[in-house]
């Protein structure tokens, strides 16, 4: 069973609400090694996304992701807007014109998102960025779908891997972004971009799990 346009809309809506709810945590993380605006910027962007989703009129899952992308690009300041916007835009392209998203399409979307972030930010694993959360998430999602996992399992595996990847950034020395200016002093801090990536993937996984539970009751 795949996720319809309504399921994808609900999942992005949930992710937007959760990211906004983590504003203060992300502000604090970014204040430690950046300029402190990551949480504020994401809250502004995803609040705008929620307003766009309320308008409806989407003709497929890809269109939901594309509107999310363009809204983030136009409303989020700093590095997060272009990076998250590119991630959602590439994911939208990967989803294409399918009417339902299955596990393999989820993996394709996540992989395309990662490739977009890497192309835009020029970061690699180990640079202490969102790439350190997204890379293991894609690998875990691929392994899960190869083992026959459906969308909820694929996203849950991705979220678990992203959590671990984000935590692993604490020990890293930043080589990209504002945190790289701190050099060795950036070690010992959780990267805010990796954390927001993990938060977003966890929200998507929870939404997919809830959608499956709901459909099982009907």
N, C-alpha and C. Protein backbone atom coordinates (compact mmCIF):
# COMPACT_ATOMS: atom_id res chain seq x y z
N UNK A 1 0.83 -1.19 0.00
CA UNK A 1 0.00 0.00 0.00
C UNK A 1 0.86 1.25 0.00
N UNK A 2 0.51 2.22 -0.84
CA UNK A 2 1.28 3.44 -0.92
C UNK A 2 0.61 4.60 -0.22
N UNK A 3 1.27 5.74 -0.25
CA UNK A 3 0.75 6.96 0.36
C UNK A 3 0.17 7.86 -0.71
N UNK A 4 -1.08 8.25 -0.54
CA UNK A 4 -1.77 9.10 -1.50
C UNK A 4 -1.35 10.56 -1.32
N UNK A 5 -1.87 11.42 -2.17
CA UNK A 5 -1.57 12.84 -2.06
C UNK A 5 -2.05 13.38 -0.71
N UNK A 6 -3.18 12.84 -0.22
CA UNK A 6 -3.68 13.27 1.09
C UNK A 6 -2.74 12.83 2.20
N UNK A 7 -2.19 11.62 2.10
CA UNK A 7 -1.24 11.13 3.10
C UNK A 7 0.03 11.97 3.11
N UNK A 8 0.53 12.29 1.91
CA UNK A 8 1.76 13.07 1.81
C UNK A 8 1.54 14.48 2.35
N UNK A 9 0.39 15.05 2.04
CA UNK A 9 0.06 16.38 2.56
C UNK A 9 0.02 16.36 4.09
N UNK A 10 -0.63 15.35 4.64
CA UNK A 10 -0.73 15.22 6.10
C UNK A 10 0.66 15.03 6.73
N UNK A 11 1.52 14.27 6.05
CA UNK A 11 2.86 14.01 6.58
C UNK A 11 3.71 15.28 6.58
N UNK A 12 3.66 16.04 5.48
CA UNK A 12 4.42 17.29 5.42
C UNK A 12 3.86 18.29 6.43
N UNK A 13 2.56 18.30 6.59
CA UNK A 13 1.94 19.19 7.58
C UNK A 13 2.45 18.84 8.99
N UNK A 14 2.48 17.55 9.30
CA UNK A 14 2.97 17.12 10.62
C UNK A 14 4.44 17.49 10.80
N UNK A 15 5.23 17.28 9.76
CA UNK A 15 6.66 17.61 9.83
C UNK A 15 6.85 19.11 10.07
N UNK A 16 6.04 19.92 9.39
CA UNK A 16 6.13 21.37 9.56
C UNK A 16 5.81 21.77 11.00
N UNK A 17 4.77 21.18 11.55
CA UNK A 17 4.38 21.50 12.93
C UNK A 17 5.48 21.09 13.92
N UNK A 18 6.06 19.92 13.71
CA UNK A 18 7.09 19.43 14.62
C UNK A 18 8.36 20.28 14.54
N UNK A 19 8.76 20.65 13.32
CA UNK A 19 9.95 21.51 13.18
C UNK A 19 9.71 22.85 13.88
N UNK A 20 8.51 23.40 13.71
CA UNK A 20 8.19 24.66 14.39
C UNK A 20 8.23 24.49 15.91
N UNK A 21 7.77 23.34 16.39
CA UNK A 21 7.76 23.09 17.83
C UNK A 21 9.18 22.97 18.41
N UNK A 22 10.15 22.64 17.56
CA UNK A 22 11.54 22.51 18.00
C UNK A 22 12.34 23.81 17.79
N UNK A 23 11.63 24.90 17.52
CA UNK A 23 12.31 26.17 17.26
C UNK A 23 13.34 26.53 18.32
N UNK A 24 12.94 26.51 19.58
CA UNK A 24 13.83 26.96 20.65
C UNK A 24 15.08 26.08 20.77
N UNK A 25 14.88 24.77 20.63
CA UNK A 25 16.03 23.84 20.69
C UNK A 25 17.01 24.14 19.56
N UNK A 26 16.48 24.36 18.35
CA UNK A 26 17.34 24.61 17.19
C UNK A 26 18.03 25.96 17.30
N UNK A 27 17.33 26.95 17.86
CA UNK A 27 17.95 28.26 18.09
C UNK A 27 19.15 28.10 19.04
N UNK A 28 18.94 27.33 20.10
CA UNK A 28 20.00 27.17 21.09
C UNK A 28 21.20 26.42 20.51
N UNK A 29 20.93 25.37 19.76
CA UNK A 29 22.02 24.62 19.13
C UNK A 29 22.81 25.51 18.18
N UNK A 30 22.10 26.32 17.41
CA UNK A 30 22.76 27.19 16.44
C UNK A 30 23.49 28.35 17.12
N UNK A 31 22.99 28.75 18.28
CA UNK A 31 23.65 29.83 19.01
C UNK A 31 25.03 29.39 19.49
N UNK A 32 25.17 28.08 19.74
CA UNK A 32 26.44 27.55 20.27
C UNK A 32 27.54 27.54 19.22
N UNK A 33 27.19 27.26 17.96
CA UNK A 33 28.24 27.15 16.94
C UNK A 33 27.93 27.90 15.65
N UNK A 34 26.81 28.63 15.62
CA UNK A 34 26.44 29.37 14.41
C UNK A 34 26.01 30.77 14.76
N UNK A 35 25.01 31.27 14.01
CA UNK A 35 24.55 32.63 14.30
C UNK A 35 23.18 32.66 14.98
N UNK A 36 22.69 31.49 15.39
CA UNK A 36 21.50 31.42 16.23
C UNK A 36 20.17 31.59 15.53
N UNK A 37 20.16 31.55 14.19
CA UNK A 37 18.90 31.83 13.49
C UNK A 37 18.25 30.59 12.87
N UNK A 38 18.83 29.42 13.05
CA UNK A 38 18.32 28.22 12.37
C UNK A 38 16.88 27.91 12.77
N UNK A 39 16.61 27.91 14.06
CA UNK A 39 15.26 27.61 14.51
C UNK A 39 14.25 28.64 14.08
N UNK A 40 14.62 29.90 14.17
CA UNK A 40 13.73 31.00 13.76
C UNK A 40 13.44 30.93 12.26
N UNK A 41 14.47 30.70 11.48
CA UNK A 41 14.30 30.63 10.03
C UNK A 41 13.40 29.47 9.62
N UNK A 42 13.63 28.31 10.24
CA UNK A 42 12.81 27.15 9.89
C UNK A 42 11.37 27.32 10.34
N UNK A 43 11.17 27.92 11.51
CA UNK A 43 9.80 28.17 11.96
C UNK A 43 9.06 29.08 10.97
N UNK A 44 9.72 30.12 10.53
CA UNK A 44 9.10 31.03 9.57
C UNK A 44 8.75 30.30 8.26
N UNK A 45 9.70 29.51 7.77
CA UNK A 45 9.48 28.80 6.53
C UNK A 45 8.39 27.76 6.60
N UNK A 46 8.42 26.95 7.64
CA UNK A 46 7.43 25.88 7.74
C UNK A 46 6.06 26.39 8.15
N UNK A 47 5.99 27.54 8.82
CA UNK A 47 4.69 28.17 9.08
C UNK A 47 4.07 28.60 7.75
N UNK A 48 4.90 29.12 6.86
CA UNK A 48 4.43 29.49 5.53
C UNK A 48 4.00 28.26 4.74
N UNK A 49 4.71 27.16 4.92
CA UNK A 49 4.34 25.90 4.26
C UNK A 49 2.95 25.45 4.71
N UNK A 50 2.70 25.53 6.01
CA UNK A 50 1.38 25.13 6.53
C UNK A 50 0.27 25.95 5.88
N UNK A 51 0.51 27.24 5.72
CA UNK A 51 -0.49 28.11 5.09
C UNK A 51 -0.73 27.70 3.64
N UNK A 52 0.34 27.34 2.94
CA UNK A 52 0.21 26.89 1.54
C UNK A 52 -0.56 25.58 1.46
N UNK A 53 -0.29 24.67 2.38
CA UNK A 53 -0.98 23.38 2.37
C UNK A 53 -2.47 23.55 2.63
N UNK A 54 -2.82 24.55 3.43
CA UNK A 54 -4.23 24.81 3.72
C UNK A 54 -5.00 25.17 2.44
N UNK A 55 -4.28 25.70 1.46
CA UNK A 55 -4.92 26.08 0.20
C UNK A 55 -5.36 24.90 -0.64
N UNK A 56 -4.71 23.74 -0.44
CA UNK A 56 -5.08 22.53 -1.17
C UNK A 56 -4.85 22.65 -2.67
N UNK A 57 -5.60 21.84 -3.42
CA UNK A 57 -5.51 21.87 -4.87
C UNK A 57 -4.33 21.13 -5.46
N UNK A 58 -3.80 20.16 -4.74
CA UNK A 58 -2.64 19.42 -5.23
C UNK A 58 -3.08 18.24 -6.09
N UNK A 59 -2.39 18.05 -7.22
CA UNK A 59 -2.79 16.99 -8.14
C UNK A 59 -1.98 15.72 -7.98
N UNK A 60 -1.08 15.68 -7.02
CA UNK A 60 -0.30 14.48 -6.77
C UNK A 60 0.72 14.73 -5.68
N UNK A 61 1.34 13.67 -5.16
CA UNK A 61 2.33 13.82 -4.10
C UNK A 61 3.47 14.77 -4.48
N UNK A 62 3.92 14.72 -5.73
CA UNK A 62 5.04 15.56 -6.15
C UNK A 62 4.72 17.04 -6.02
N UNK A 63 3.46 17.40 -6.31
CA UNK A 63 3.09 18.81 -6.25
C UNK A 63 3.12 19.33 -4.82
N UNK A 64 2.82 18.47 -3.85
CA UNK A 64 2.91 18.86 -2.43
C UNK A 64 4.36 19.18 -2.08
N UNK A 65 5.26 18.31 -2.51
CA UNK A 65 6.68 18.50 -2.22
C UNK A 65 7.23 19.72 -2.93
N UNK A 66 6.74 19.97 -4.15
CA UNK A 66 7.24 21.13 -4.91
C UNK A 66 6.81 22.45 -4.26
N UNK A 67 5.57 22.52 -3.83
CA UNK A 67 5.09 23.73 -3.15
C UNK A 67 5.86 23.94 -1.84
N UNK A 68 6.13 22.85 -1.13
CA UNK A 68 6.93 22.94 0.08
C UNK A 68 8.30 23.52 -0.24
N UNK A 69 8.90 23.03 -1.30
CA UNK A 69 10.23 23.48 -1.72
C UNK A 69 10.25 24.96 -2.05
N UNK A 70 9.34 25.39 -2.91
CA UNK A 70 9.34 26.78 -3.35
C UNK A 70 9.02 27.73 -2.20
N UNK A 71 8.17 27.28 -1.28
CA UNK A 71 7.84 28.11 -0.12
C UNK A 71 9.04 28.27 0.80
N UNK A 72 9.76 27.20 1.04
CA UNK A 72 10.95 27.27 1.89
C UNK A 72 12.02 28.16 1.25
N UNK A 73 12.22 28.01 -0.03
CA UNK A 73 13.24 28.80 -0.72
C UNK A 73 12.92 30.30 -0.62
N UNK A 74 11.64 30.63 -0.72
CA UNK A 74 11.26 32.05 -0.73
C UNK A 74 11.12 32.67 0.65
N UNK A 75 11.01 31.85 1.70
CA UNK A 75 10.75 32.43 3.03
C UNK A 75 11.82 32.16 4.07
N UNK A 76 12.67 31.17 3.87
CA UNK A 76 13.68 30.83 4.88
C UNK A 76 14.99 31.53 4.57
N UNK A 77 15.51 32.22 5.56
CA UNK A 77 16.80 32.89 5.37
C UNK A 77 17.96 31.96 5.67
N UNK A 78 19.17 32.50 5.57
CA UNK A 78 20.37 31.72 5.87
C UNK A 78 20.59 30.60 4.88
N UNK A 79 21.37 29.61 5.31
CA UNK A 79 21.68 28.48 4.44
C UNK A 79 20.53 27.48 4.37
N UNK A 80 19.68 27.46 5.40
CA UNK A 80 18.65 26.43 5.51
C UNK A 80 17.63 26.50 4.37
N UNK A 81 17.26 27.70 3.93
CA UNK A 81 16.27 27.83 2.87
C UNK A 81 16.68 27.16 1.58
N UNK A 82 17.83 27.55 1.03
CA UNK A 82 18.29 26.90 -0.20
C UNK A 82 18.51 25.40 -0.05
N UNK A 83 19.03 24.99 1.10
CA UNK A 83 19.34 23.56 1.29
C UNK A 83 18.07 22.72 1.42
N UNK A 84 17.18 23.12 2.32
CA UNK A 84 15.93 22.37 2.48
C UNK A 84 15.05 22.51 1.24
N UNK A 85 15.04 23.71 0.66
CA UNK A 85 14.26 23.91 -0.56
C UNK A 85 14.74 23.01 -1.68
N UNK A 86 16.05 22.93 -1.86
CA UNK A 86 16.62 22.04 -2.88
C UNK A 86 16.29 20.59 -2.58
N UNK A 87 16.35 20.21 -1.32
CA UNK A 87 16.04 18.83 -0.93
C UNK A 87 14.62 18.46 -1.32
N UNK A 88 13.67 19.31 -0.99
CA UNK A 88 12.27 19.02 -1.33
C UNK A 88 12.02 19.10 -2.83
N UNK A 89 12.71 20.00 -3.51
CA UNK A 89 12.53 20.13 -4.95
C UNK A 89 13.05 18.89 -5.68
N UNK A 90 14.23 18.42 -5.29
CA UNK A 90 14.77 17.21 -5.90
C UNK A 90 13.89 15.99 -5.58
N UNK A 91 13.37 15.96 -4.34
CA UNK A 91 12.48 14.86 -3.95
C UNK A 91 11.23 14.87 -4.81
N UNK A 92 10.69 16.05 -5.07
CA UNK A 92 9.51 16.19 -5.90
C UNK A 92 9.76 15.64 -7.31
N UNK A 93 10.90 15.98 -7.86
CA UNK A 93 11.25 15.50 -9.21
C UNK A 93 11.38 13.99 -9.23
N UNK A 94 11.97 13.43 -8.16
CA UNK A 94 12.14 11.97 -8.07
C UNK A 94 10.80 11.26 -7.97
N UNK A 95 9.85 11.86 -7.26
CA UNK A 95 8.52 11.25 -7.11
C UNK A 95 7.79 11.24 -8.46
N UNK A 96 7.97 12.31 -9.24
CA UNK A 96 7.38 12.34 -10.58
C UNK A 96 5.87 12.38 -10.56
N UNK A 97 5.25 11.64 -11.48
CA UNK A 97 3.80 11.72 -11.63
C UNK A 97 3.05 10.56 -10.99
N UNK A 98 3.70 9.84 -10.07
CA UNK A 98 3.00 8.73 -9.42
C UNK A 98 1.87 9.27 -8.54
N UNK A 99 0.80 8.53 -8.44
CA UNK A 99 -0.34 8.95 -7.62
C UNK A 99 -0.21 8.44 -6.19
N UNK A 100 0.60 7.39 -6.02
CA UNK A 100 0.84 6.85 -4.67
C UNK A 100 2.32 6.59 -4.49
N UNK A 101 2.81 6.96 -3.32
CA UNK A 101 4.23 6.81 -2.99
C UNK A 101 4.43 5.50 -2.23
N UNK A 102 5.26 4.60 -2.79
CA UNK A 102 5.58 3.37 -2.06
C UNK A 102 7.00 3.49 -1.50
N UNK A 103 7.47 2.41 -0.89
CA UNK A 103 8.78 2.45 -0.23
C UNK A 103 9.91 2.80 -1.16
N UNK A 104 9.88 2.26 -2.36
CA UNK A 104 10.97 2.53 -3.31
C UNK A 104 10.96 3.98 -3.78
N UNK A 105 9.79 4.54 -3.93
CA UNK A 105 9.71 5.95 -4.31
C UNK A 105 10.23 6.83 -3.17
N UNK A 106 9.92 6.43 -1.93
CA UNK A 106 10.45 7.17 -0.77
C UNK A 106 11.97 7.18 -0.79
N UNK A 107 12.57 6.03 -1.06
CA UNK A 107 14.03 5.95 -1.11
C UNK A 107 14.58 6.83 -2.23
N UNK A 108 13.94 6.77 -3.39
CA UNK A 108 14.38 7.61 -4.52
C UNK A 108 14.30 9.09 -4.16
N UNK A 109 13.23 9.47 -3.46
CA UNK A 109 13.05 10.86 -3.05
C UNK A 109 14.11 11.28 -2.04
N UNK A 110 14.38 10.41 -1.08
CA UNK A 110 15.40 10.73 -0.07
C UNK A 110 16.79 10.83 -0.70
N UNK A 111 17.07 9.92 -1.62
CA UNK A 111 18.38 9.94 -2.27
C UNK A 111 18.54 11.21 -3.12
N UNK A 112 17.48 11.58 -3.83
CA UNK A 112 17.51 12.80 -4.63
C UNK A 112 17.68 14.03 -3.74
N UNK A 113 17.02 14.01 -2.59
CA UNK A 113 17.15 15.12 -1.63
C UNK A 113 18.59 15.26 -1.15
N UNK A 114 19.19 14.12 -0.81
CA UNK A 114 20.59 14.12 -0.37
C UNK A 114 21.51 14.66 -1.46
N UNK A 115 21.31 14.17 -2.67
CA UNK A 115 22.15 14.63 -3.79
C UNK A 115 22.00 16.13 -4.01
N UNK A 116 20.79 16.64 -3.83
CA UNK A 116 20.55 18.06 -3.98
C UNK A 116 21.26 18.88 -2.92
N UNK A 117 21.20 18.39 -1.68
CA UNK A 117 21.87 19.08 -0.56
C UNK A 117 23.38 19.08 -0.76
N UNK A 118 23.93 17.95 -1.19
CA UNK A 118 25.37 17.85 -1.42
C UNK A 118 25.79 18.80 -2.55
N UNK A 119 25.01 18.82 -3.62
CA UNK A 119 25.34 19.69 -4.76
C UNK A 119 25.27 21.16 -4.36
N UNK A 120 24.28 21.50 -3.54
CA UNK A 120 24.08 22.89 -3.15
C UNK A 120 25.08 23.34 -2.09
N UNK A 121 25.30 22.50 -1.09
CA UNK A 121 26.15 22.91 0.03
C UNK A 121 27.59 22.46 -0.06
N UNK A 122 27.89 21.59 -1.03
CA UNK A 122 29.26 21.09 -1.23
C UNK A 122 29.83 20.42 0.02
N UNK A 123 28.95 19.81 0.82
CA UNK A 123 29.39 19.14 2.04
C UNK A 123 29.45 17.63 1.82
N UNK A 124 30.30 16.98 2.59
CA UNK A 124 30.45 15.52 2.54
C UNK A 124 30.24 14.97 3.95
N UNK A 125 29.99 13.66 4.07
CA UNK A 125 29.89 13.07 5.40
C UNK A 125 31.15 13.38 6.21
N UNK A 126 30.96 13.75 7.46
CA UNK A 126 32.09 14.09 8.32
C UNK A 126 32.36 15.58 8.42
N UNK A 127 31.64 16.38 7.61
CA UNK A 127 31.84 17.84 7.64
C UNK A 127 31.04 18.53 8.73
N UNK A 128 30.22 17.77 9.46
CA UNK A 128 29.37 18.29 10.55
C UNK A 128 28.27 19.18 9.98
N UNK A 129 27.44 18.58 9.12
CA UNK A 129 26.30 19.27 8.53
C UNK A 129 25.11 18.33 8.49
N UNK A 130 24.01 18.78 7.89
CA UNK A 130 22.84 17.93 7.73
C UNK A 130 23.13 16.69 6.89
N UNK A 131 24.18 16.73 6.09
CA UNK A 131 24.58 15.56 5.30
C UNK A 131 24.91 14.38 6.20
N UNK A 132 25.40 14.66 7.40
CA UNK A 132 25.76 13.57 8.33
C UNK A 132 24.53 12.87 8.89
N UNK A 133 23.37 13.50 8.83
CA UNK A 133 22.12 12.84 9.21
C UNK A 133 21.44 12.22 8.01
N UNK A 134 21.50 12.91 6.88
CA UNK A 134 20.77 12.46 5.69
C UNK A 134 21.43 11.27 5.00
N UNK A 135 22.75 11.21 5.00
CA UNK A 135 23.45 10.10 4.33
C UNK A 135 23.10 8.74 4.95
N UNK A 136 23.26 8.56 6.27
CA UNK A 136 22.88 7.27 6.86
C UNK A 136 21.38 7.01 6.75
N UNK A 137 20.58 8.07 6.71
CA UNK A 137 19.13 7.88 6.57
C UNK A 137 18.80 7.24 5.23
N UNK A 138 19.45 7.70 4.18
CA UNK A 138 19.23 7.13 2.84
C UNK A 138 19.69 5.68 2.80
N UNK A 139 20.85 5.41 3.37
CA UNK A 139 21.37 4.03 3.38
C UNK A 139 20.43 3.09 4.13
N UNK A 140 19.93 3.55 5.28
CA UNK A 140 19.03 2.71 6.08
C UNK A 140 17.70 2.50 5.36
N UNK A 141 17.21 3.54 4.70
CA UNK A 141 15.96 3.42 3.95
C UNK A 141 16.11 2.41 2.81
N UNK A 142 17.25 2.46 2.11
CA UNK A 142 17.50 1.53 1.02
C UNK A 142 17.55 0.09 1.52
N UNK A 143 18.24 -0.13 2.62
CA UNK A 143 18.33 -1.48 3.19
C UNK A 143 16.96 -2.00 3.60
N UNK A 144 16.14 -1.13 4.15
CA UNK A 144 14.82 -1.53 4.63
C UNK A 144 13.89 -1.87 3.48
N UNK A 145 13.92 -1.06 2.42
CA UNK A 145 13.05 -1.36 1.28
C UNK A 145 13.53 -2.61 0.56
N UNK A 146 14.83 -2.84 0.53
CA UNK A 146 15.37 -4.06 -0.08
C UNK A 146 14.92 -5.31 0.67
N UNK A 147 14.67 -5.12 1.97
CA UNK A 147 14.22 -6.24 2.80
C UNK A 147 12.69 -6.38 2.79
N UNK A 148 12.03 -5.57 1.97
CA UNK A 148 10.59 -5.67 1.82
C UNK A 148 9.79 -4.72 2.68
N UNK A 149 10.44 -3.76 3.29
CA UNK A 149 9.75 -2.81 4.15
C UNK A 149 8.82 -1.88 3.40
N UNK A 150 7.70 -1.54 4.02
CA UNK A 150 6.75 -0.58 3.46
C UNK A 150 7.14 0.84 3.91
N UNK A 151 6.37 1.82 3.48
CA UNK A 151 6.71 3.23 3.74
C UNK A 151 6.96 3.53 5.22
N UNK A 152 6.09 3.09 6.14
CA UNK A 152 6.36 3.42 7.55
C UNK A 152 7.68 2.85 8.06
N UNK A 153 7.98 1.62 7.67
CA UNK A 153 9.24 1.00 8.11
C UNK A 153 10.45 1.68 7.48
N UNK A 154 10.31 2.05 6.22
CA UNK A 154 11.41 2.73 5.51
C UNK A 154 11.71 4.07 6.17
N UNK A 155 10.67 4.84 6.46
CA UNK A 155 10.88 6.15 7.09
C UNK A 155 11.35 6.02 8.52
N UNK A 156 10.87 5.00 9.22
CA UNK A 156 11.33 4.79 10.61
C UNK A 156 12.81 4.46 10.64
N UNK A 157 13.25 3.62 9.72
CA UNK A 157 14.67 3.28 9.64
C UNK A 157 15.50 4.51 9.30
N UNK A 158 14.98 5.33 8.38
CA UNK A 158 15.67 6.56 8.00
C UNK A 158 15.79 7.50 9.20
N UNK A 159 14.70 7.63 9.95
CA UNK A 159 14.70 8.52 11.11
C UNK A 159 15.66 8.03 12.19
N UNK A 160 15.67 6.72 12.44
CA UNK A 160 16.59 6.16 13.44
C UNK A 160 18.04 6.44 13.04
N UNK A 161 18.34 6.23 11.77
CA UNK A 161 19.71 6.46 11.28
C UNK A 161 20.08 7.94 11.33
N UNK A 162 19.10 8.80 11.03
CA UNK A 162 19.35 10.24 11.08
C UNK A 162 19.61 10.69 12.51
N UNK A 163 18.87 10.13 13.46
CA UNK A 163 19.10 10.44 14.88
C UNK A 163 20.53 10.10 15.27
N UNK A 164 20.96 8.90 14.90
CA UNK A 164 22.31 8.46 15.23
C UNK A 164 23.35 9.32 14.52
N UNK A 165 23.09 9.64 13.27
CA UNK A 165 24.01 10.48 12.50
C UNK A 165 24.15 11.87 13.09
N UNK A 166 23.02 12.43 13.53
CA UNK A 166 23.05 13.76 14.14
C UNK A 166 23.85 13.73 15.44
N UNK A 167 23.60 12.72 16.27
CA UNK A 167 24.33 12.60 17.53
C UNK A 167 25.84 12.47 17.29
N UNK A 168 26.19 11.80 16.20
CA UNK A 168 27.61 11.59 15.88
C UNK A 168 28.31 12.89 15.49
N UNK A 169 27.54 13.93 15.14
CA UNK A 169 28.18 15.20 14.78
C UNK A 169 28.78 15.90 16.00
N UNK A 170 28.36 15.51 17.18
CA UNK A 170 28.88 16.17 18.39
C UNK A 170 30.40 16.10 18.44
N UNK A 171 30.95 14.95 18.07
CA UNK A 171 32.40 14.76 18.17
C UNK A 171 33.17 15.39 17.00
N UNK A 172 32.46 15.78 15.95
CA UNK A 172 33.13 16.25 14.74
C UNK A 172 33.58 17.70 14.83
N UNK A 173 34.60 18.01 14.05
CA UNK A 173 35.03 19.39 13.86
C UNK A 173 34.41 19.88 12.55
N UNK A 174 33.72 20.99 12.61
CA UNK A 174 33.00 21.49 11.42
C UNK A 174 33.97 21.92 10.32
N UNK A 175 33.63 21.49 9.09
CA UNK A 175 34.45 21.88 7.94
C UNK A 175 33.66 22.70 6.92
N UNK A 176 32.37 22.89 7.21
CA UNK A 176 31.52 23.68 6.32
C UNK A 176 30.64 24.61 7.15
N UNK A 177 30.18 25.68 6.53
CA UNK A 177 29.24 26.57 7.18
C UNK A 177 29.86 27.46 8.23
N UNK A 178 28.97 28.19 8.92
CA UNK A 178 29.40 29.15 9.93
C UNK A 178 30.21 28.48 11.05
N UNK A 179 29.84 27.27 11.41
CA UNK A 179 30.53 26.57 12.50
C UNK A 179 32.00 26.30 12.18
N UNK A 180 32.33 26.23 10.88
CA UNK A 180 33.72 25.93 10.51
C UNK A 180 34.68 27.04 10.94
N UNK A 181 34.14 28.25 11.15
CA UNK A 181 34.98 29.36 11.61
C UNK A 181 35.55 29.10 13.00
N UNK A 182 34.87 28.25 13.75
CA UNK A 182 35.30 27.96 15.13
C UNK A 182 36.44 26.95 15.19
N UNK A 183 36.66 26.23 14.08
CA UNK A 183 37.72 25.21 14.07
C UNK A 183 37.47 24.15 15.12
N UNK A 184 38.50 23.83 15.89
CA UNK A 184 38.42 22.77 16.90
C UNK A 184 37.35 23.04 17.95
N UNK A 185 37.03 24.29 18.17
CA UNK A 185 36.03 24.63 19.19
C UNK A 185 34.62 24.20 18.80
N UNK A 186 34.42 23.84 17.53
CA UNK A 186 33.10 23.38 17.10
C UNK A 186 32.81 21.96 17.59
N UNK A 187 33.86 21.21 17.94
CA UNK A 187 33.68 19.87 18.49
C UNK A 187 32.99 19.96 19.85
N UNK A 188 32.17 18.96 20.15
CA UNK A 188 31.46 18.96 21.42
C UNK A 188 30.06 19.54 21.32
N UNK A 189 29.65 19.93 20.11
CA UNK A 189 28.32 20.51 19.91
C UNK A 189 27.57 19.75 18.82
N UNK A 190 26.28 19.58 19.04
CA UNK A 190 25.42 18.92 18.05
C UNK A 190 25.12 19.89 16.91
N UNK A 191 25.29 19.43 15.67
CA UNK A 191 25.03 20.31 14.54
C UNK A 191 23.53 20.57 14.40
N UNK A 192 23.11 21.83 14.35
CA UNK A 192 21.68 22.14 14.27
C UNK A 192 21.02 21.66 12.98
N UNK A 193 21.74 21.70 11.85
CA UNK A 193 21.17 21.22 10.60
C UNK A 193 20.93 19.72 10.61
N UNK A 194 21.86 18.98 11.20
CA UNK A 194 21.69 17.54 11.33
C UNK A 194 20.52 17.23 12.26
N UNK A 195 20.40 18.02 13.32
CA UNK A 195 19.30 17.81 14.27
C UNK A 195 17.95 18.10 13.61
N UNK A 196 17.84 19.20 12.87
CA UNK A 196 16.56 19.52 12.23
C UNK A 196 16.20 18.48 11.18
N UNK A 197 17.20 17.93 10.51
CA UNK A 197 16.96 16.86 9.53
C UNK A 197 16.37 15.63 10.23
N UNK A 198 16.96 15.27 11.37
CA UNK A 198 16.48 14.12 12.13
C UNK A 198 15.06 14.35 12.65
N UNK A 199 14.79 15.56 13.12
CA UNK A 199 13.46 15.91 13.62
C UNK A 199 12.42 15.78 12.50
N UNK A 200 12.76 16.28 11.34
CA UNK A 200 11.85 16.25 10.21
C UNK A 200 11.55 14.82 9.76
N UNK A 201 12.60 14.01 9.66
CA UNK A 201 12.40 12.61 9.24
C UNK A 201 11.60 11.83 10.27
N UNK A 202 11.81 12.11 11.56
CA UNK A 202 11.04 11.42 12.60
C UNK A 202 9.56 11.78 12.48
N UNK A 203 9.27 13.05 12.21
CA UNK A 203 7.88 13.48 12.06
C UNK A 203 7.23 12.80 10.86
N UNK A 204 7.96 12.70 9.75
CA UNK A 204 7.43 12.01 8.57
C UNK A 204 7.16 10.54 8.87
N UNK A 205 8.08 9.92 9.60
CA UNK A 205 7.91 8.51 9.96
C UNK A 205 6.69 8.31 10.86
N UNK A 206 6.52 9.18 11.84
CA UNK A 206 5.37 9.09 12.74
C UNK A 206 4.06 9.29 11.98
N UNK A 207 4.07 10.24 11.05
CA UNK A 207 2.86 10.50 10.27
C UNK A 207 2.51 9.29 9.39
N UNK A 208 3.54 8.68 8.80
CA UNK A 208 3.30 7.49 7.95
C UNK A 208 2.77 6.35 8.78
N UNK A 209 3.29 6.18 9.99
CA UNK A 209 2.82 5.14 10.89
C UNK A 209 1.38 5.35 11.29
N UNK A 210 1.03 6.61 11.57
CA UNK A 210 -0.35 6.93 11.96
C UNK A 210 -1.31 6.70 10.80
N UNK A 211 -0.89 7.05 9.59
CA UNK A 211 -1.73 6.86 8.41
C UNK A 211 -2.03 5.39 8.19
N UNK A 212 -1.01 4.55 8.40
CA UNK A 212 -1.19 3.11 8.24
C UNK A 212 -2.15 2.55 9.28
N UNK A 213 -2.00 3.05 10.52
CA UNK A 213 -2.89 2.60 11.60
C UNK A 213 -4.33 2.98 11.30
N UNK A 214 -4.53 4.20 10.81
CA UNK A 214 -5.87 4.67 10.49
C UNK A 214 -6.50 3.83 9.38
N UNK A 215 -5.73 3.54 8.33
CA UNK A 215 -6.28 2.78 7.21
C UNK A 215 -6.61 1.35 7.63
N UNK A 216 -5.86 0.85 8.62
CA UNK A 216 -6.11 -0.50 9.10
C UNK A 216 -7.40 -0.63 9.88
N UNK A 217 -7.92 0.52 10.34
CA UNK A 217 -9.17 0.49 11.12
C UNK A 217 -10.40 0.52 10.23
N UNK A 218 -10.23 0.86 8.95
CA UNK A 218 -11.38 1.03 8.06
C UNK A 218 -11.65 -0.25 7.28
